[in-house]
Amino acid sequence: MSLNTPPERIKLHRKSCVLEVSFNGQDYRLSAEYLRVYSPSAEVKGHGPGEEVLQLNKENVAITGIEPQGNYAIKLLYSDGHDSGIYSWSYLKELGENQQANWQDYLQRVEAHKQNAETEKEKAETTAVKWVDPS
């Protein structure tokens, strides 16, 4: 299969917020949340390595539309207003093939973010202050 070969089928399940895509008879069920947090947009991926932006609180996001992008990709429109990711056929296939590993990586990054936020909050609440003698 060529890298730019389109999927045999793309079906949006609006009620379950799942995009179903089929490549070479292999069906992938990709949740709107998964697709949103792995959007190929610069807003999510940044403009280079290390500039990625962790997407949080996307559990209830829905796909509100799909727009074809020539013969090579689709653009997904999301209920949170995000609409700048162009999902090439090869990227959609990659997301399907690596869904489990990608999702575990995402969950680990979210957990690390939460722990870091808690640590920062604790530091802010326990910051030493300089004693000023009132006399």
C-alpha atoms as a PDB file:
ATOM      1  CA  MET A   1       0.000   0.000   0.000  1.00  0.00           C
ATOM      2  CA  SER A   2       1.290   3.401  -0.980  1.00  0.00           C
ATOM      3  CA  LEU A   3       1.669   5.987   1.786  1.00  0.00           C
ATOM      4  CA  ASN A   4      -1.006   8.165   0.193  1.00  0.00           C
ATOM      5  CA  THR A   5      -3.539   5.401  -0.467  1.00  0.00           C
ATOM      6  CA  PRO A   6      -6.872   6.439   1.030  1.00  0.00           C
ATOM      7  CA  PRO A   7      -8.710   4.232   3.487  1.00  0.00           C
ATOM      8  CA  GLU A   8     -11.361   1.929   2.090  1.00  0.00           C
ATOM      9  CA  ARG A   9     -13.888   3.406   4.481  1.00  0.00           C
ATOM     10  CA  ILE A  10     -14.275   6.328   6.852  1.00  0.00           C
ATOM     11  CA  LYS A  11     -17.307   6.341   9.103  1.00  0.00           C
ATOM     12  CA  LEU A  12     -18.097   8.764  11.897  1.00  0.00           C
ATOM     13  CA  HIS A  13     -20.119   7.319  14.772  1.00  0.00           C
ATOM     14  CA  ARG A  14     -21.486  10.540  16.248  1.00  0.00           C
ATOM     15  CA  LYS A  15     -23.140   9.018  19.306  1.00  0.00           C
ATOM     16  CA  SER A  16     -20.010   7.186  20.507  1.00  0.00           C
ATOM     17  CA  CYS A  17     -17.637   9.901  19.186  1.00  0.00           C
ATOM     18  CA  VAL A  18     -15.598   7.333  17.252  1.00  0.00           C
ATOM     19  CA  LEU A  19     -14.096   7.619  13.795  1.00  0.00           C
ATOM     20  CA  GLU A  20     -13.843   4.241  12.096  1.00  0.00           C
ATOM     21  CA  VAL A  21     -11.273   3.935   9.316  1.00  0.00           C
ATOM     22  CA  SER A  22     -10.343   0.850   7.308  1.00  0.00           C
ATOM     23  CA  PHE A  23      -7.012   0.231   5.596  1.00  0.00           C
ATOM     24  CA  ASN A  24      -6.407  -3.062   3.752  1.00  0.00           C
ATOM     25  CA  GLY A  25      -9.354  -4.681   5.495  1.00  0.00           C
ATOM     26  CA  GLN A  26      -8.089  -3.642   8.937  1.00  0.00           C
ATOM     27  CA  ASP A  27     -10.619  -1.571  10.886  1.00  0.00           C
ATOM     28  CA  TYR A  28      -9.461   1.014  13.408  1.00  0.00           C
ATOM     29  CA  ARG A  29     -11.866   2.659  15.852  1.00  0.00           C
ATOM     30  CA  LEU A  30     -10.332   5.964  16.908  1.00  0.00           C
ATOM     31  CA  SER A  31     -12.030   8.011  19.605  1.00  0.00           C
ATOM     32  CA  ALA A  32     -12.491  11.743  19.128  1.00  0.00           C
ATOM     33  CA  GLU A  33     -10.430  12.328  22.280  1.00  0.00           C
ATOM     34  CA  TYR A  34      -7.542  10.220  20.940  1.00  0.00           C
ATOM     35  CA  LEU A  35      -7.607  11.968  17.569  1.00  0.00           C
ATOM     36  CA  ARG A  36      -7.836  15.394  19.242  1.00  0.00           C
ATOM     37  CA  VAL A  37      -4.861  14.890  21.566  1.00  0.00           C
ATOM     38  CA  TYR A  38      -2.814  13.487  18.661  1.00  0.00           C
ATOM     39  CA  SER A  39      -3.860  16.189  16.188  1.00  0.00           C
ATOM     40  CA  PRO A  40      -1.098  16.817  13.648  1.00  0.00           C
ATOM     41  CA  SER A  41      -1.621  20.582  13.992  1.00  0.00           C
ATOM     42  CA  ALA A  42       1.116  22.996  15.017  1.00  0.00           C
ATOM     43  CA  GLU A  43      -1.091  23.918  18.002  1.00  0.00           C
ATOM     44  CA  VAL A  44      -0.548  20.384  19.344  1.00  0.00           C
ATOM     45  CA  LYS A  45       2.752  19.257  17.777  1.00  0.00           C
ATOM     46  CA  GLY A  46       4.495  22.617  17.947  1.00  0.00           C
ATOM     47  CA  HIS A  47       6.980  23.672  15.291  1.00  0.00           C
ATOM     48  CA  GLY A  48       9.725  21.238  16.230  1.00  0.00           C
ATOM     49  CA  PRO A  49      10.857  18.568  18.676  1.00  0.00           C
ATOM     50  CA  GLY A  50      10.238  19.494  22.289  1.00  0.00           C
ATOM     51  CA  GLU A  51       7.553  22.039  21.427  1.00  0.00           C
ATOM     52  CA  GLU A  52       4.617  19.637  21.761  1.00  0.00           C
ATOM     53  CA  VAL A  53       1.685  20.937  23.808  1.00  0.00           C
ATOM     54  CA  LEU A  54      -0.009  18.402  26.067  1.00  0.00           C
ATOM     55  CA  GLN A  55      -3.744  18.481  25.415  1.00  0.00           C
ATOM     56  CA  LEU A  56      -5.782  18.195  28.602  1.00  0.00           C
ATOM     57  CA  ASN A  57      -9.487  17.836  29.384  1.00  0.00           C
ATOM     58  CA  LYS A  58     -10.536  16.553  25.959  1.00  0.00           C
ATOM     59  CA  GLU A  59     -12.648  13.671  27.318  1.00  0.00           C
ATOM     60  CA  ASN A  60     -15.923  15.170  26.093  1.00  0.00           C
ATOM     61  CA  VAL A  61     -14.757  16.519  22.751  1.00  0.00           C
ATOM     62  CA  ALA A  62     -16.717  15.399  19.694  1.00  0.00           C
ATOM     63  CA  ILE A  63     -15.991  15.444  15.987  1.00  0.00           C
ATOM     64  CA  THR A  64     -18.492  17.845  14.445  1.00  0.00           C
ATOM     65  CA  GLY A  65     -17.343  17.603  10.856  1.00  0.00           C
ATOM     66  CA  ILE A  66     -14.975  16.035   8.359  1.00  0.00           C
ATOM     67  CA  GLU A  67     -13.609  17.930   5.372  1.00  0.00           C
ATOM     68  CA  PRO A  68     -11.683  16.222   2.561  1.00  0.00           C
ATOM     69  CA  GLN A  69      -8.275  17.709   1.819  1.00  0.00           C
ATOM     70  CA  GLY A  70      -7.598  16.790  -1.787  1.00  0.00           C
ATOM     71  CA  ASN A  71      -6.956  13.077  -2.277  1.00  0.00           C
ATOM     72  CA  TYR A  72      -4.468  12.771   0.556  1.00  0.00           C
ATOM     73  CA  ALA A  73      -6.112  13.690   3.876  1.00  0.00           C
ATOM     74  CA  ILE A  74      -9.057  14.883   5.915  1.00  0.00           C
ATOM     75  CA  LYS A  75      -9.482  17.779   8.282  1.00  0.00           C
ATOM     76  CA  LEU A  76     -11.440  17.025  11.441  1.00  0.00           C
ATOM     77  CA  LEU A  77     -13.551  19.707  13.085  1.00  0.00           C
ATOM     78  CA  TYR A  78     -14.001  19.403  16.852  1.00  0.00           C
ATOM     79  CA  SER A  79     -16.611  20.640  19.288  1.00  0.00           C
ATOM     80  CA  ASP A  80     -13.939  22.600  21.203  1.00  0.00           C
ATOM     81  CA  GLY A  81     -13.267  24.719  18.115  1.00  0.00           C
ATOM     82  CA  HIS A  82     -10.058  22.972  17.052  1.00  0.00           C
ATOM     83  CA  ASP A  83      -9.943  22.624  13.267  1.00  0.00           C
ATOM     84  CA  SER A  84      -6.356  23.047  12.115  1.00  0.00           C
ATOM     85  CA  GLY A  85      -5.154  19.431  12.006  1.00  0.00           C
ATOM     86  CA  ILE A  86      -4.784  17.811   8.580  1.00  0.00           C
ATOM     87  CA  TYR A  87      -4.804  14.029   9.008  1.00  0.00           C
ATOM     88  CA  SER A  88      -3.024  12.417   6.062  1.00  0.00           C
ATOM     89  CA  TRP A  89      -3.953   8.858   5.172  1.00  0.00           C
ATOM     90  CA  SER A  90      -0.565   7.638   6.385  1.00  0.00           C
ATOM     91  CA  TYR A  91      -0.950   9.487   9.713  1.00  0.00           C
ATOM     92  CA  LEU A  92      -4.446   8.056  10.270  1.00  0.00           C
ATOM     93  CA  LYS A  93      -3.122   4.567   9.554  1.00  0.00           C
ATOM     94  CA  GLU A  94      -0.204   5.156  11.933  1.00  0.00           C
ATOM     95  CA  LEU A  95      -2.607   6.346  14.653  1.00  0.00           C
ATOM     96  CA  GLY A  96      -4.649   3.183  14.157  1.00  0.00           C
ATOM     97  CA  GLU A  97      -1.675   0.829  14.200  1.00  0.00           C
ATOM     98  CA  ASN A  98      -0.110   2.464  17.271  1.00  0.00           C
ATOM     99  CA  GLN A  99      -3.269   3.337  19.171  1.00  0.00           C
ATOM    100  CA  GLN A 100      -2.596   1.284  22.300  1.00  0.00           C
ATOM    101  CA  ALA A 101       1.021   2.428  22.727  1.00  0.00           C
ATOM    102  CA  ASN A 102       0.153   6.047  21.898  1.00  0.00           C
ATOM    103  CA  TRP A 103      -2.710   6.077  24.396  1.00  0.00           C
ATOM    104  CA  GLN A 104      -0.545   4.644  27.188  1.00  0.00           C
ATOM    105  CA  ASP A 105       2.115   7.262  26.441  1.00  0.00           C
ATOM    106  CA  TYR A 106      -0.516  10.012  26.570  1.00  0.00           C
ATOM    107  CA  LEU A 107      -1.907   8.768  29.907  1.00  0.00           C
ATOM    108  CA  GLN A 108       1.619   8.691  31.369  1.00  0.00           C
ATOM    109  CA  ARG A 109       2.275  12.262  30.203  1.00  0.00           C
ATOM    110  CA  VAL A 110      -1.020  13.432  31.733  1.00  0.00           C
ATOM    111  CA  GLU A 111      -0.154  11.743  35.045  1.00  0.00           C
ATOM    112  CA  ALA A 112       3.330  13.297  35.059  1.00  0.00           C
ATOM    113  CA  HIS A 113       1.756  16.694  34.374  1.00  0.00           C
ATOM    114  CA  LYS A 114      -0.655  16.252  37.290  1.00  0.00           C
ATOM    115  CA  GLN A 115       2.148  15.234  39.650  1.00  0.00           C
ATOM    116  CA  ASN A 116       4.256  18.193  38.534  1.00  0.00           C
ATOM    117  CA  ALA A 117       1.313  20.556  39.042  1.00  0.00           C
ATOM    118  CA  GLU A 118       0.744  19.188  42.549  1.00  0.00           C
ATOM    119  CA  THR A 119       4.441  19.596  43.368  1.00  0.00           C
ATOM    120  CA  GLU A 120       4.405  23.184  42.088  1.00  0.00           C
ATOM    121  CA  LYS A 121       1.274  23.913  44.144  1.00  0.00           C
ATOM    122  CA  GLU A 122       2.907  22.462  47.268  1.00  0.00           C
ATOM    123  CA  LYS A 123       6.028  24.569  46.654  1.00  0.00           C
ATOM    124  CA  ALA A 124       3.909  27.697  46.299  1.00  0.00           C
ATOM    125  CA  GLU A 125       2.028  26.922  49.511  1.00  0.00           C
ATOM    126  CA  THR A 126       5.202  26.255  51.503  1.00  0.00           C
ATOM    127  CA  THR A 127       7.550  28.877  50.141  1.00  0.00           C
ATOM    128  CA  ALA A 128       9.804  30.311  52.819  1.00  0.00           C
ATOM    129  CA  VAL A 129       9.372  33.983  53.553  1.00  0.00           C
ATOM    130  CA  LYS A 130      11.939  36.431  54.783  1.00  0.00           C
ATOM    131  CA  TRP A 131      11.386  37.409  58.396  1.00  0.00           C
ATOM    132  CA  VAL A 132      11.248  41.135  58.936  1.00  0.00           C
ATOM    133  CA  ASP A 133      11.831  42.257  62.493  1.00  0.00           C
ATOM    134  CA  PRO A 134       9.014  44.655  63.344  1.00  0.00           C
ATOM    135  CA  SER A 135      11.153  46.662  65.777  1.00  0.00           C
END
